[in-house]
């Protein structure tokens, strides 16, 4: 312990061997697509999630039909879909932050319970003929908000249930289950509405939540005991956005995901018009085309894990396939050929987005994974929202065939993004937390809001090591900034070139403590690689800014007494 004490005194990021968390197995095992279903908890959650998704699709069809019955305004009918997707844009980031801050099982249970209550109220109000267009839009938004709250927590929980090597298969099964619900749900919703009425469809949606609620209640998950109090949601959102922005691998994923959503949204937005204008079809033609897309999506999800390990290669093939499918759709008037092309587009759509989503989970530490997932979802939906408007504008001013052609060409041209935003294959990164508690004492004399806190580290570097030291420290600086350090800088003394100073800030003492528990084993290896480039002893100083007033009015910031 004496050697550790000396290391701690001279280097605040040096890890005690007693503070290292158990290292996760980093080898990515090859698993079959259905391997995760052998885990009872995952199997139960997967089946109940598929039932819940089926109810959501029935709800969407019933809500659109009810709005048509309540008002003949086409704009109000279109708003049903808008209010269904809007929460994913507005609430994904806060939901991702909550998934990282609080217990994910309880968060999912809360979301499902709220949706059950709202859906039950909607069913009762419909039975009593009390529903109005405005009420229907509000209820639709609330149910979609519950889905937005549930989704990041569920995706971030997968690695708590399955092994790391089975994540690909688990994500593929999730996609397949959702697409089964999306393929069957609209037809089931139409049958229920036609035979039993809209209220019965709303009731079916309410009942669909019970299976998932029951499964979550049976999940005997041991609550984690975080070493620090929960982070405020706003700060958590900013920390998540900062981590993604400073991570080249995650930046590449969200840029590619947003571009794919933008280019591919023409298929989603214009299929009904394509069925009417290009195929001279009706509503049944539209339904068959969507069915073909759904069948392709299911197939793509099931075979994706058999396509090889390189996600960059999978995403390139999927992007090219989708673009070629959209281009060929713009030239065909044959129904059978159009259905076949929709199958290929559906398979490519799910293959690409699932691969990108899995990459987010593999490349992100657990403390911020919910926010990274949410950021990816926001970029996809933002791209789809803008793309739907763009391709609709092209179809309105030219034709749906021209819009499909432009959409497909844009998709293929987007492959140029593989040059600046190539997906990084880093499955073997060890993202285990390097420590389970802060180095500094949370119960010490400092108050949580005291600050700013400045950490200054002084190195002695020989001239022959200076260039390599500066390059290595820039990489360390990126890691420190991802984990919360602000105003990071590296200085060299002009009067004594062998003297280097690294300095960074934390807004408060609590932010300083949070930054200490965020580094991973991989981050720690960066520090290990630079240690042979400087001479002992290294000097470290922790400073507090006394030039500004305390954050809490009427309270003096304590003067730290030695020893600290």
Protein backbone atom coordinates (compact mmCIF):
# COMPACT_ATOMS: atom_id res chain seq x y z
CA UNK A 1 0.00 0.00 0.00
CA UNK A 2 2.94 2.37 0.60
CA UNK A 3 3.88 2.31 -3.07
CA UNK A 4 0.25 3.02 -4.00
CA UNK A 5 0.13 5.97 -1.62
CA UNK A 6 3.21 7.45 -3.28
CA UNK A 7 1.68 6.89 -6.72
CA UNK A 8 -1.56 8.55 -5.61
CA UNK A 9 0.30 11.54 -4.16
CA UNK A 10 2.14 12.19 -7.39
CA UNK A 11 -0.50 11.14 -9.92
CA UNK A 12 -4.24 11.48 -9.23
CA UNK A 13 -5.25 9.21 -12.11
CA UNK A 14 -3.05 6.31 -11.00
CA UNK A 15 -5.26 3.37 -10.15
CA UNK A 16 -5.04 1.34 -7.02
CA UNK A 17 -5.09 -2.40 -7.65
CA UNK A 18 -7.78 -2.56 -4.99
CA UNK A 19 -10.01 -0.16 -6.93
CA UNK A 20 -10.07 -1.96 -10.25
CA UNK A 21 -13.44 -3.40 -11.15
CA UNK A 22 -13.52 -7.04 -12.33
CA UNK A 23 -12.44 -7.05 -15.96
CA UNK A 24 -15.13 -8.07 -18.40
CA UNK A 25 -14.41 -10.77 -20.94
CA UNK A 26 -13.60 -8.88 -24.10
CA UNK A 27 -13.48 -11.71 -26.60
CA UNK A 28 -16.40 -11.49 -28.96
CA UNK A 29 -17.66 -15.02 -29.30
CA UNK A 30 -19.36 -16.15 -32.44
CA UNK A 31 -22.97 -17.04 -31.67
CA UNK A 32 -25.94 -18.13 -33.68
CA UNK A 33 -28.83 -15.80 -34.31
CA UNK A 34 -31.13 -17.58 -31.85
CA UNK A 35 -28.57 -18.16 -29.07
CA UNK A 36 -29.89 -15.35 -26.81
CA UNK A 37 -33.31 -17.05 -26.74
CA UNK A 38 -31.74 -19.75 -24.60
CA UNK A 39 -31.56 -17.18 -21.79
CA UNK A 40 -34.99 -17.26 -20.07
CA UNK A 41 -34.98 -13.57 -19.08
CA UNK A 42 -34.09 -12.37 -22.58
CA UNK A 43 -36.60 -14.76 -24.14
CA UNK A 44 -39.41 -13.52 -21.87
CA UNK A 45 -38.53 -9.87 -22.47
CA UNK A 46 -38.25 -10.44 -26.22
CA UNK A 47 -41.66 -12.12 -26.50
CA UNK A 48 -43.40 -9.59 -24.26
CA UNK A 49 -41.74 -6.67 -26.12
CA UNK A 50 -42.98 -8.08 -29.41
CA UNK A 51 -46.52 -8.29 -27.98
CA UNK A 52 -46.23 -4.69 -26.78
CA UNK A 53 -44.99 -3.57 -30.21
CA UNK A 54 -47.91 -5.39 -31.83
CA UNK A 55 -50.30 -3.45 -29.60
CA UNK A 56 -48.57 -0.20 -30.55
CA UNK A 57 -49.11 -0.91 -34.25
CA UNK A 58 -52.78 -1.69 -33.62
CA UNK A 59 -53.02 1.58 -31.68
CA UNK A 60 -51.51 3.56 -34.57
CA UNK A 61 -53.98 2.17 -37.11
CA UNK A 62 -56.94 2.68 -34.78
CA UNK A 63 -55.92 6.25 -33.93
CA UNK A 64 -55.58 7.20 -37.60
CA UNK A 65 -58.98 5.67 -38.39
CA UNK A 66 -60.65 7.34 -35.41
CA UNK A 67 -59.26 10.73 -36.41
CA UNK A 68 -60.69 10.13 -39.87
CA UNK A 69 -64.08 9.47 -38.26
CA UNK A 70 -63.89 12.48 -35.94
CA UNK A 71 -62.84 14.99 -38.58
CA UNK A 72 -62.49 15.01 -42.34
CA UNK A 73 -59.43 17.26 -42.13
CA UNK A 74 -56.51 15.49 -43.82
CA UNK A 75 -54.05 17.63 -41.88
CA UNK A 76 -55.47 16.39 -38.57
CA UNK A 77 -55.18 12.79 -39.77
CA UNK A 78 -51.55 13.40 -40.73
CA UNK A 79 -50.89 14.89 -37.29
CA UNK A 80 -51.58 11.48 -35.73
CA UNK A 81 -48.38 10.17 -37.33
CA UNK A 82 -46.55 13.38 -36.42
CA UNK A 83 -47.53 13.07 -32.75
CA UNK A 84 -46.46 9.41 -32.85
CA UNK A 85 -42.91 10.20 -34.00
CA UNK A 86 -42.37 13.64 -32.42
CA UNK A 87 -41.53 12.30 -28.92
CA UNK A 88 -38.64 10.29 -30.38
CA UNK A 89 -37.16 13.58 -31.54
CA UNK A 90 -37.86 15.56 -28.37
CA UNK A 91 -37.49 13.03 -25.58
CA UNK A 92 -34.85 10.52 -26.68
CA UNK A 93 -31.91 12.40 -25.16
CA UNK A 94 -33.60 13.01 -21.77
CA UNK A 95 -34.74 9.38 -21.79
CA UNK A 96 -31.20 8.21 -22.53
CA UNK A 97 -29.89 10.33 -19.66
CA UNK A 98 -32.47 8.85 -17.29
CA UNK A 99 -31.49 5.35 -18.45
CA UNK A 100 -27.89 6.05 -17.44
CA UNK A 101 -28.76 7.73 -14.13
CA UNK A 102 -31.48 5.51 -12.67
CA UNK A 103 -32.27 1.80 -12.53
CA UNK A 104 -33.22 0.77 -16.06
CA UNK A 105 -35.66 -1.97 -15.04
CA UNK A 106 -37.65 0.47 -12.91
CA UNK A 107 -37.56 3.04 -15.70
CA UNK A 108 -38.98 0.53 -18.19
CA UNK A 109 -41.59 -0.53 -15.64
CA UNK A 110 -42.60 3.10 -15.13
CA UNK A 111 -42.90 3.70 -18.88
CA UNK A 112 -45.02 0.60 -19.45
CA UNK A 113 -47.27 1.36 -16.48
CA UNK A 114 -47.88 4.93 -17.66
CA UNK A 115 -48.70 3.69 -21.16
CA UNK A 116 -51.09 1.10 -19.69
CA UNK A 117 -52.93 3.79 -17.71
CA UNK A 118 -53.12 6.18 -20.67
CA UNK A 119 -54.22 3.44 -23.09
CA UNK A 120 -56.89 2.27 -20.65
CA UNK A 121 -58.18 5.83 -20.31
CA UNK A 122 -58.26 6.16 -24.10
CA UNK A 123 -60.27 2.94 -24.40
CA UNK A 124 -62.78 4.01 -21.75
CA UNK A 125 -63.19 7.50 -23.25
CA UNK A 126 -63.79 5.93 -26.68
CA UNK A 127 -66.38 3.50 -25.33
CA UNK A 128 -68.17 6.47 -23.71
CA UNK A 129 -67.94 8.56 -26.93
CA UNK A 130 -66.03 11.27 -25.08
CA UNK A 131 -63.01 11.43 -27.41
CA UNK A 132 -62.22 14.62 -29.34
CA UNK A 133 -59.52 15.21 -31.98
CA UNK A 134 -57.39 17.23 -29.56
CA UNK A 135 -57.69 14.60 -26.83
CA UNK A 136 -56.70 11.90 -29.30
CA UNK A 137 -53.57 13.80 -30.30
CA UNK A 138 -52.60 14.37 -26.65
CA UNK A 139 -53.09 10.71 -25.77
CA UNK A 140 -51.15 9.63 -28.87
CA UNK A 141 -48.28 11.88 -27.82
CA UNK A 142 -48.30 10.51 -24.25
CA UNK A 143 -48.18 6.89 -25.42
CA UNK A 144 -45.36 7.69 -27.84
CA UNK A 145 -43.55 9.52 -25.01
CA UNK A 146 -43.74 6.33 -22.94
CA UNK A 147 -42.20 4.40 -25.83
CA UNK A 148 -39.42 7.01 -26.05
CA UNK A 149 -38.73 6.59 -22.34
CA UNK A 150 -38.68 2.79 -22.61
CA UNK A 151 -36.52 2.36 -25.72
CA UNK A 152 -33.05 3.60 -24.54
CA UNK A 153 -33.42 1.80 -21.21
CA UNK A 154 -34.29 -1.48 -22.95
CA UNK A 155 -31.47 -1.27 -25.48
CA UNK A 156 -28.94 -0.30 -22.82
CA UNK A 157 -30.08 -3.25 -20.68
CA UNK A 158 -29.32 -5.92 -23.27
CA UNK A 159 -25.67 -6.26 -22.25
CA UNK A 160 -26.83 -6.82 -18.67
CA UNK A 161 -28.71 -9.90 -19.86
CA UNK A 162 -26.65 -11.46 -22.66
CA UNK A 163 -22.92 -11.99 -23.10
CA UNK A 164 -20.97 -9.45 -25.11
CA UNK A 165 -20.47 -11.94 -27.95
CA UNK A 166 -24.25 -12.41 -28.24
CA UNK A 167 -25.08 -8.71 -28.56
CA UNK A 168 -25.25 -8.90 -32.37
CA UNK A 169 -27.71 -11.78 -32.23
CA UNK A 170 -29.79 -10.15 -29.49
CA UNK A 171 -30.05 -6.90 -31.48
CA UNK A 172 -31.02 -8.85 -34.61
CA UNK A 173 -33.75 -10.69 -32.71
CA UNK A 174 -35.05 -7.37 -31.38
CA UNK A 175 -35.23 -6.01 -34.92
CA UNK A 176 -36.91 -9.17 -36.18
CA UNK A 177 -39.48 -9.07 -33.38
CA UNK A 178 -40.28 -5.44 -34.01
CA UNK A 179 -40.66 -6.00 -37.74
CA UNK A 180 -42.91 -8.99 -37.17
CA UNK A 181 -45.13 -6.70 -35.09
CA UNK A 182 -44.89 -3.97 -37.73
CA UNK A 183 -45.87 -6.42 -40.47
CA UNK A 184 -48.74 -8.08 -38.61
CA UNK A 185 -49.91 -5.15 -36.49
CA UNK A 186 -51.51 -2.92 -39.16
CA UNK A 187 -53.47 -5.83 -40.63
CA UNK A 188 -54.55 -6.98 -37.16
CA UNK A 189 -55.53 -3.43 -36.29
CA UNK A 190 -57.61 -3.10 -39.44
CA UNK A 191 -59.42 -6.37 -38.75
CA UNK A 192 -60.18 -5.40 -35.12
CA UNK A 193 -61.44 -1.95 -36.13
CA UNK A 194 -63.61 -3.42 -38.89
CA UNK A 195 -65.13 -6.19 -36.77
CA UNK A 196 -65.21 -4.84 -33.20
CA UNK A 197 -64.67 -1.09 -33.45
CA UNK A 198 -61.97 1.41 -32.55
CA UNK A 199 -62.48 1.08 -28.80
CA UNK A 200 -61.73 -2.66 -28.99
CA UNK A 201 -58.46 -1.89 -30.80
CA UNK A 202 -57.49 0.58 -28.07
CA UNK A 203 -58.34 -2.07 -25.48
CA UNK A 204 -56.14 -4.60 -27.27
CA UNK A 205 -53.25 -2.13 -27.06
CA UNK A 206 -53.82 -1.63 -23.33
CA UNK A 207 -53.81 -5.40 -22.75
CA UNK A 208 -50.56 -5.76 -24.73
CA UNK A 209 -48.62 -3.89 -22.02
CA UNK A 210 -49.49 -6.44 -19.31
CA UNK A 211 -47.08 -9.14 -20.51
CA UNK A 212 -44.06 -6.82 -20.43
CA UNK A 213 -45.06 -5.34 -17.07
CA UNK A 214 -45.37 -8.84 -15.61
CA UNK A 215 -41.97 -9.85 -17.01
CA UNK A 216 -40.29 -6.72 -15.62
CA UNK A 217 -41.83 -7.35 -12.20
CA UNK A 218 -40.41 -10.88 -12.20
CA UNK A 219 -36.93 -9.66 -13.15
CA UNK A 220 -35.07 -9.92 -9.85
CA UNK A 221 -32.37 -7.42 -10.67
CA UNK A 222 -30.01 -6.39 -7.88
CA UNK A 223 -30.10 -2.56 -7.77
CA UNK A 224 -26.74 -0.97 -8.40
CA UNK A 225 -25.33 1.21 -5.66
CA UNK A 226 -23.65 4.16 -7.37
CA UNK A 227 -20.80 5.75 -5.43
CA UNK A 228 -22.14 9.27 -6.06
CA UNK A 229 -25.57 10.92 -6.04
CA UNK A 230 -27.53 10.95 -9.35
CA UNK A 231 -26.39 13.48 -11.89
CA UNK A 232 -28.89 16.23 -12.82
CA UNK A 233 -30.66 15.38 -16.07
CA UNK A 234 -29.54 18.53 -17.89
CA UNK A 235 -25.90 17.96 -16.93
CA UNK A 236 -26.24 14.31 -17.90
CA UNK A 237 -27.56 15.22 -21.35
CA UNK A 238 -24.68 17.65 -21.92
CA UNK A 239 -22.17 15.04 -20.73
CA UNK A 240 -23.62 12.52 -23.17
CA UNK A 241 -23.55 14.90 -26.12
CA UNK A 242 -19.98 15.88 -25.23
CA UNK A 243 -18.88 12.24 -25.08
CA UNK A 244 -20.36 11.46 -28.50
CA UNK A 245 -18.97 14.65 -30.03
CA UNK A 246 -15.45 13.89 -28.79
CA UNK A 247 -15.51 10.21 -29.79
CA UNK A 248 -14.48 9.76 -33.46
CA UNK A 249 -15.95 6.24 -33.62
CA UNK A 250 -19.38 7.39 -32.37
CA UNK A 251 -19.33 10.49 -34.57
CA UNK A 252 -18.85 8.27 -37.60
CA UNK A 253 -21.81 6.10 -36.60
CA UNK A 254 -24.31 8.91 -36.05
CA UNK A 255 -23.28 10.74 -39.24
CA UNK A 256 -23.72 7.56 -41.28
CA UNK A 257 -27.02 6.77 -39.51
CA UNK A 258 -28.41 10.25 -40.15
CA UNK A 259 -27.37 10.15 -43.80
CA UNK A 260 -28.92 6.69 -44.24
CA UNK A 261 -32.18 7.84 -42.64
CA UNK A 262 -32.30 10.94 -44.85
CA UNK A 263 -31.60 9.12 -48.12
CA UNK A 264 -33.81 6.13 -47.33
CA UNK A 265 -36.84 7.98 -46.00
CA UNK A 266 -38.28 8.36 -49.48
CA UNK A 267 -39.41 4.72 -49.41
CA UNK A 268 -41.26 5.31 -46.14
CA UNK A 269 -42.83 8.61 -47.12
CA UNK A 270 -43.92 7.90 -50.69
CA UNK A 271 -44.90 4.23 -50.87
CA UNK A 272 -48.62 5.04 -50.89
CA UNK A 273 -48.20 7.54 -53.74
CA UNK A 274 -45.95 5.11 -55.61
CA UNK A 275 -48.59 2.37 -55.32
CA UNK A 276 -51.26 4.72 -56.69
CA UNK A 277 -49.38 6.58 -59.41
CA UNK A 278 -46.73 4.11 -60.66
CA UNK A 279 -48.54 0.80 -60.15
CA UNK A 280 -52.11 2.07 -60.65
CA UNK A 281 -53.00 0.34 -57.40
CA UNK A 282 -55.19 1.01 -54.37
CA UNK A 283 -54.93 0.61 -50.62
CA UNK A 284 -54.37 -3.14 -50.93
CA UNK A 285 -51.42 -2.52 -53.24
CA UNK A 286 -49.97 -0.15 -50.64
CA UNK A 287 -50.42 -2.78 -47.94
CA UNK A 288 -48.77 -5.49 -50.02
CA UNK A 289 -45.74 -3.29 -50.70
CA UNK A 290 -45.38 -2.54 -46.98
CA UNK A 291 -45.75 -6.24 -46.30
CA UNK A 292 -42.89 -6.97 -48.69
CA UNK A 293 -40.75 -4.39 -46.91
CA UNK A 294 -41.63 -6.00 -43.56
CA UNK A 295 -40.80 -9.50 -44.76
CA UNK A 296 -37.43 -8.26 -46.02
CA UNK A 297 -36.80 -6.55 -42.70
CA UNK A 298 -37.45 -9.77 -40.80
CA UNK A 299 -35.19 -11.73 -43.13
CA UNK A 300 -32.44 -9.12 -42.93
CA UNK A 301 -32.52 -9.17 -39.14
CA UNK A 302 -32.26 -12.96 -39.03
CA UNK A 303 -29.38 -13.32 -41.52
CA UNK A 304 -27.40 -10.23 -40.55
CA UNK A 305 -25.13 -12.06 -38.10
CA UNK A 306 -24.12 -14.48 -40.87
CA UNK A 307 -22.75 -11.75 -43.13
CA UNK A 308 -19.34 -11.49 -41.47
CA UNK A 309 -17.72 -9.54 -38.66
CA UNK A 310 -16.93 -6.27 -40.44
CA UNK A 311 -19.76 -3.82 -39.76
CA UNK A 312 -18.25 -1.36 -42.24
CA UNK A 313 -18.60 -3.98 -44.95
CA UNK A 314 -22.16 -4.83 -43.87
CA UNK A 315 -23.21 -1.18 -43.84
CA UNK A 316 -21.66 -0.57 -47.28
CA UNK A 317 -23.46 -3.57 -48.81
CA UNK A 318 -26.75 -2.55 -47.17
CA UNK A 319 -26.42 1.06 -48.34
CA UNK A 320 -25.65 -0.02 -51.90
CA UNK A 321 -28.52 -2.54 -51.90
CA UNK A 322 -31.05 0.00 -50.64
CA UNK A 323 -29.91 2.63 -53.14
CA UNK A 324 -30.07 0.17 -56.05
CA UNK A 325 -33.53 -0.99 -54.94
CA UNK A 326 -34.86 2.57 -54.84
CA UNK A 327 -33.44 3.31 -58.30
CA UNK A 328 -34.95 0.17 -59.81
CA UNK A 329 -38.30 0.95 -58.17
CA UNK A 330 -38.32 4.28 -60.00
CA UNK A 331 -38.26 2.47 -63.35
CA UNK A 332 -40.62 -0.45 -62.78
CA UNK A 333 -44.38 -0.65 -63.18
CA UNK A 334 -44.54 -4.38 -62.53
CA UNK A 335 -46.20 -5.31 -59.25
CA UNK A 336 -44.23 -8.50 -58.59
CA UNK A 337 -40.91 -6.82 -59.32
CA UNK A 338 -41.85 -3.92 -57.05
CA UNK A 339 -42.65 -6.33 -54.20
CA UNK A 340 -39.32 -8.11 -54.68
CA UNK A 341 -37.44 -4.79 -54.62
CA UNK A 342 -39.28 -3.77 -51.45
CA UNK A 343 -38.12 -7.02 -49.84
CA UNK A 344 -34.51 -6.14 -50.64
CA UNK A 345 -34.97 -2.58 -49.37
CA UNK A 346 -36.48 -3.84 -46.12
CA UNK A 347 -33.60 -6.26 -45.56
CA UNK A 348 -31.03 -3.53 -46.27
CA UNK A 349 -32.82 -1.03 -43.99
CA UNK A 350 -32.77 -3.29 -40.93
CA UNK A 351 -29.29 -4.66 -41.63
CA UNK A 352 -27.70 -1.21 -41.76
CA UNK A 353 -29.52 0.39 -38.81
CA UNK A 354 -29.11 -2.66 -36.57
CA UNK A 355 -25.39 -2.85 -37.36
CA UNK A 356 -24.95 0.82 -36.50
CA UNK A 357 -26.97 0.44 -33.30
CA UNK A 358 -24.90 -2.54 -32.16
CA UNK A 359 -21.71 -0.58 -32.85
CA UNK A 360 -22.93 2.20 -30.55
CA UNK A 361 -23.41 -0.26 -27.69
CA UNK A 362 -20.06 -1.99 -28.22
CA UNK A 363 -18.03 1.24 -28.42
CA UNK A 364 -19.63 3.11 -25.50
CA UNK A 365 -18.88 2.76 -21.76
CA UNK A 366 -21.82 1.74 -19.59
CA UNK A 367 -22.01 5.10 -17.78
CA UNK A 368 -23.06 6.88 -20.98
CA UNK A 369 -24.45 4.12 -23.24
CA UNK A 370 -28.11 5.17 -22.88
CA UNK A 371 -27.31 8.70 -24.03
CA UNK A 372 -25.22 7.43 -26.95
CA UNK A 373 -28.09 5.17 -28.07
CA UNK A 374 -30.52 8.09 -27.77
CA UNK A 375 -28.22 10.39 -29.78
CA UNK A 376 -28.09 7.80 -32.55
CA UNK A 377 -31.89 7.53 -32.55
CA UNK A 378 -32.30 11.31 -32.71
CA UNK A 379 -29.98 11.51 -35.74
CA UNK A 380 -31.87 8.73 -37.53
CA UNK A 381 -35.27 10.30 -36.91
CA UNK A 382 -33.99 13.77 -37.78
CA UNK A 383 -32.67 12.46 -41.07
CA UNK A 384 -35.96 10.68 -41.78
CA UNK A 385 -38.01 13.76 -40.90
CA UNK A 386 -36.03 16.06 -43.19
CA UNK A 387 -35.77 13.40 -45.90
CA UNK A 388 -39.53 12.77 -45.90
CA UNK A 389 -40.13 16.46 -46.51
CA UNK A 390 -37.38 16.64 -49.16
CA UNK A 391 -38.53 13.65 -51.21
CA UNK A 392 -42.15 14.71 -50.82
CA UNK A 393 -41.20 18.10 -52.25
CA UNK A 394 -39.48 16.39 -55.21
CA UNK A 395 -42.48 14.15 -55.81
CA UNK A 396 -44.87 17.11 -55.67
CA UNK A 397 -42.88 19.16 -58.17
CA UNK A 398 -41.69 16.32 -60.42
CA UNK A 399 -42.99 12.79 -59.86
CA UNK A 400 -42.72 9.98 -57.36
CA UNK A 401 -40.46 8.10 -59.79
CA UNK A 402 -38.04 11.02 -59.90
CA UNK A 403 -38.15 11.18 -56.09
CA UNK A 404 -37.32 7.48 -55.82
CA UNK A 405 -34.51 7.88 -58.36
CA UNK A 406 -33.07 10.89 -56.49
CA UNK A 407 -33.40 9.06 -53.17
CA UNK A 408 -31.54 6.00 -54.49
CA UNK A 409 -28.79 8.06 -56.10
CA UNK A 410 -28.36 10.04 -52.86
CA UNK A 411 -28.08 6.77 -50.95
CA UNK A 412 -25.31 5.51 -53.24
CA UNK A 413 -23.50 8.87 -53.21
CA UNK A 414 -23.60 8.77 -49.39
CA UNK A 415 -21.05 5.95 -49.59
CA UNK A 416 -18.46 8.71 -49.99
CA UNK A 417 -18.92 9.21 -46.24
CA UNK A 418 -16.96 6.00 -45.74
CA UNK A 419 -13.79 8.03 -46.37
CA UNK A 420 -14.03 10.64 -43.56
CA UNK A 421 -16.42 8.64 -41.37
CA UNK A 422 -15.25 5.06 -41.65
CA UNK A 423 -16.69 2.79 -38.98
CA UNK A 424 -14.04 1.76 -36.48
CA UNK A 425 -13.88 -1.93 -35.62
CA UNK A 426 -13.05 -1.82 -31.89
CA UNK A 427 -14.95 -4.76 -30.46
CA UNK A 428 -12.00 -5.70 -28.27
CA UNK A 429 -11.82 -2.42 -26.35
CA UNK A 430 -11.99 -2.99 -22.60
CA UNK A 431 -14.68 -0.56 -21.45
CA UNK A 432 -14.76 -1.89 -17.90
CA UNK A 433 -14.69 1.01 -15.39
CA UNK A 434 -11.12 1.54 -14.22
CA UNK A 435 -12.32 2.29 -10.71
CA UNK A 436 -15.55 1.84 -8.80
CA UNK A 437 -15.28 4.89 -6.54
CA UNK A 438 -13.65 8.33 -6.70
CA UNK A 439 -10.06 8.73 -5.60
CA UNK A 440 -10.93 11.79 -3.54
CA UNK A 441 -13.16 11.61 -0.47
CA UNK A 442 -16.80 12.38 -1.21
CA UNK A 443 -17.48 12.89 2.50
CA UNK A 444 -14.56 15.31 2.95
CA UNK A 445 -14.58 19.01 3.78
CA UNK A 446 -15.60 20.12 0.28
CA UNK A 447 -19.22 20.83 -0.64
CA UNK A 448 -20.63 19.34 -3.87
CA UNK A 449 -21.05 22.76 -5.53
CA UNK A 450 -17.66 24.15 -4.52
CA UNK A 451 -15.46 24.99 -7.46
CA UNK A 452 -14.27 25.31 -10.12
CA UNK A 453 -11.68 22.64 -9.42
CA UNK A 454 -8.41 22.76 -11.38
CA UNK A 455 -6.04 19.80 -11.63
CA UNK A 456 -2.48 20.61 -12.63
CA UNK A 457 0.13 17.92 -13.41
CA UNK A 458 3.81 18.76 -13.97
CA UNK A 459 6.02 16.41 -16.01
CA UNK A 460 9.77 16.33 -16.62
CA UNK A 461 10.32 15.19 -20.21
CA UNK A 462 13.68 14.68 -21.89
CA UNK A 463 14.12 16.49 -25.24
CA UNK A 464 14.34 13.24 -27.21
CA UNK A 465 10.90 12.22 -25.88
CA UNK A 466 9.16 15.58 -26.35
CA UNK A 467 7.46 14.92 -29.70
CA UNK A 468 6.16 11.48 -28.72
CA UNK A 469 5.07 12.81 -25.33
CA UNK A 470 3.06 15.67 -26.88
CA UNK A 471 1.35 13.31 -29.34
CA UNK A 472 0.45 10.80 -26.61
CA UNK A 473 -0.82 13.53 -24.29
CA UNK A 474 -3.16 14.90 -26.97
CA UNK A 475 -4.81 11.48 -27.11
CA UNK A 476 -5.04 11.44 -23.31
CA UNK A 477 -6.54 14.93 -23.42
CA UNK A 478 -9.32 13.70 -25.71
CA UNK A 479 -10.08 10.90 -23.26
CA UNK A 480 -10.11 13.31 -20.32
CA UNK A 481 -12.47 15.68 -22.14
CA UNK A 482 -14.82 12.82 -23.06
CA UNK A 483 -14.98 11.94 -19.38
CA UNK A 484 -15.84 15.47 -18.28
CA UNK A 485 -12.64 17.51 -18.08
CA UNK A 486 -13.01 21.06 -19.38
CA UNK A 487 -10.48 23.55 -20.72
CA UNK A 488 -7.85 20.83 -21.08
CA UNK A 489 -4.46 22.17 -22.15
CA UNK A 490 -0.85 21.06 -22.34
CA UNK A 491 1.91 23.67 -21.80
CA UNK A 492 5.68 23.63 -22.28
CA UNK A 493 7.86 25.98 -20.24
CA UNK A 494 9.76 28.35 -22.57
CA UNK A 495 12.49 28.91 -19.99
CA UNK A 496 12.80 25.23 -19.14
CA UNK A 497 11.71 23.12 -22.18
CA UNK A 498 11.90 19.90 -20.14
CA UNK A 499 9.05 21.12 -17.93
CA UNK A 500 5.54 20.33 -19.19
CA UNK A 501 2.24 21.12 -17.46
CA UNK A 502 -1.11 19.46 -18.09
CA UNK A 503 -4.12 21.34 -16.74
CA UNK A 504 -7.89 20.83 -16.84
CA UNK A 505 -10.96 22.06 -14.99
CA UNK A 506 -14.16 20.67 -13.48
CA UNK A 507 -17.03 23.12 -12.81
CA UNK A 508 -17.70 21.77 -9.30
CA UNK A 509 -16.29 19.35 -6.78
CA UNK A 510 -19.04 16.85 -7.65
CA UNK A 511 -18.13 17.09 -11.35
CA UNK A 512 -14.52 16.46 -10.35
CA UNK A 513 -15.53 13.28 -8.50
CA UNK A 514 -17.73 12.07 -11.37
CA UNK A 515 -14.86 12.51 -13.80
CA UNK A 516 -12.73 10.22 -11.63
CA UNK A 517 -15.07 7.22 -11.93
CA UNK A 518 -15.67 7.47 -15.68
CA UNK A 519 -12.34 6.33 -17.20
CA UNK A 520 -12.21 2.80 -18.57
CA UNK A 521 -9.42 0.24 -18.63
CA UNK A 522 -8.71 1.36 -22.20
CA UNK A 523 -8.34 4.97 -21.01
CA UNK A 524 -5.98 3.77 -18.31
CA UNK A 525 -3.80 2.00 -20.90
CA UNK A 526 -3.25 5.38 -22.58
CA UNK A 527 -1.74 6.63 -19.31
CA UNK A 528 0.40 3.52 -18.98
CA UNK A 529 1.86 4.03 -22.47
CA UNK A 530 3.04 7.56 -21.68
CA UNK A 531 4.65 6.86 -18.31
CA UNK A 532 8.02 5.84 -19.74
CA UNK A 533 8.26 9.18 -21.57
CA UNK A 534 8.66 11.34 -18.45
CA UNK A 535 10.92 11.21 -15.39
CA UNK A 536 9.90 10.82 -11.77
CA UNK A 537 8.80 12.51 -9.67
CA UNK A 538 5.71 14.02 -11.27
CA UNK A 539 4.03 16.83 -9.36
CA UNK A 540 0.27 17.12 -9.01
CA UNK A 541 -1.83 19.94 -7.60
CA UNK A 542 -5.55 20.22 -7.00
CA UNK A 543 -6.70 23.82 -6.94
CA UNK A 544 -9.99 25.51 -6.16
CA UNK A 545 -10.93 28.89 -7.62
CA UNK A 546 -11.39 31.37 -4.76
CA UNK A 547 -11.88 34.40 -7.00
CA UNK A 548 -15.65 34.00 -7.31
CA UNK A 549 -18.51 33.92 -4.83
CA UNK A 550 -19.83 30.58 -3.53
CA UNK A 551 -22.63 29.03 -5.60
CA UNK A 552 -25.00 28.89 -2.63
CA UNK A 553 -25.99 32.37 -1.45
CA UNK A 554 -25.02 33.22 2.12
CA UNK A 555 -22.65 30.28 2.50
CA UNK A 556 -18.88 30.60 2.64
CA UNK A 557 -16.89 28.01 0.74
CA UNK A 558 -14.78 26.14 3.32
CA UNK A 559 -11.05 26.79 3.42
CA UNK A 560 -9.38 23.44 2.94
CA UNK A 561 -7.15 22.44 5.84
CA UNK A 562 -4.05 20.27 5.53
CA UNK A 563 -3.92 17.33 5.18
CA UNK A 564 -6.55 17.24 2.43
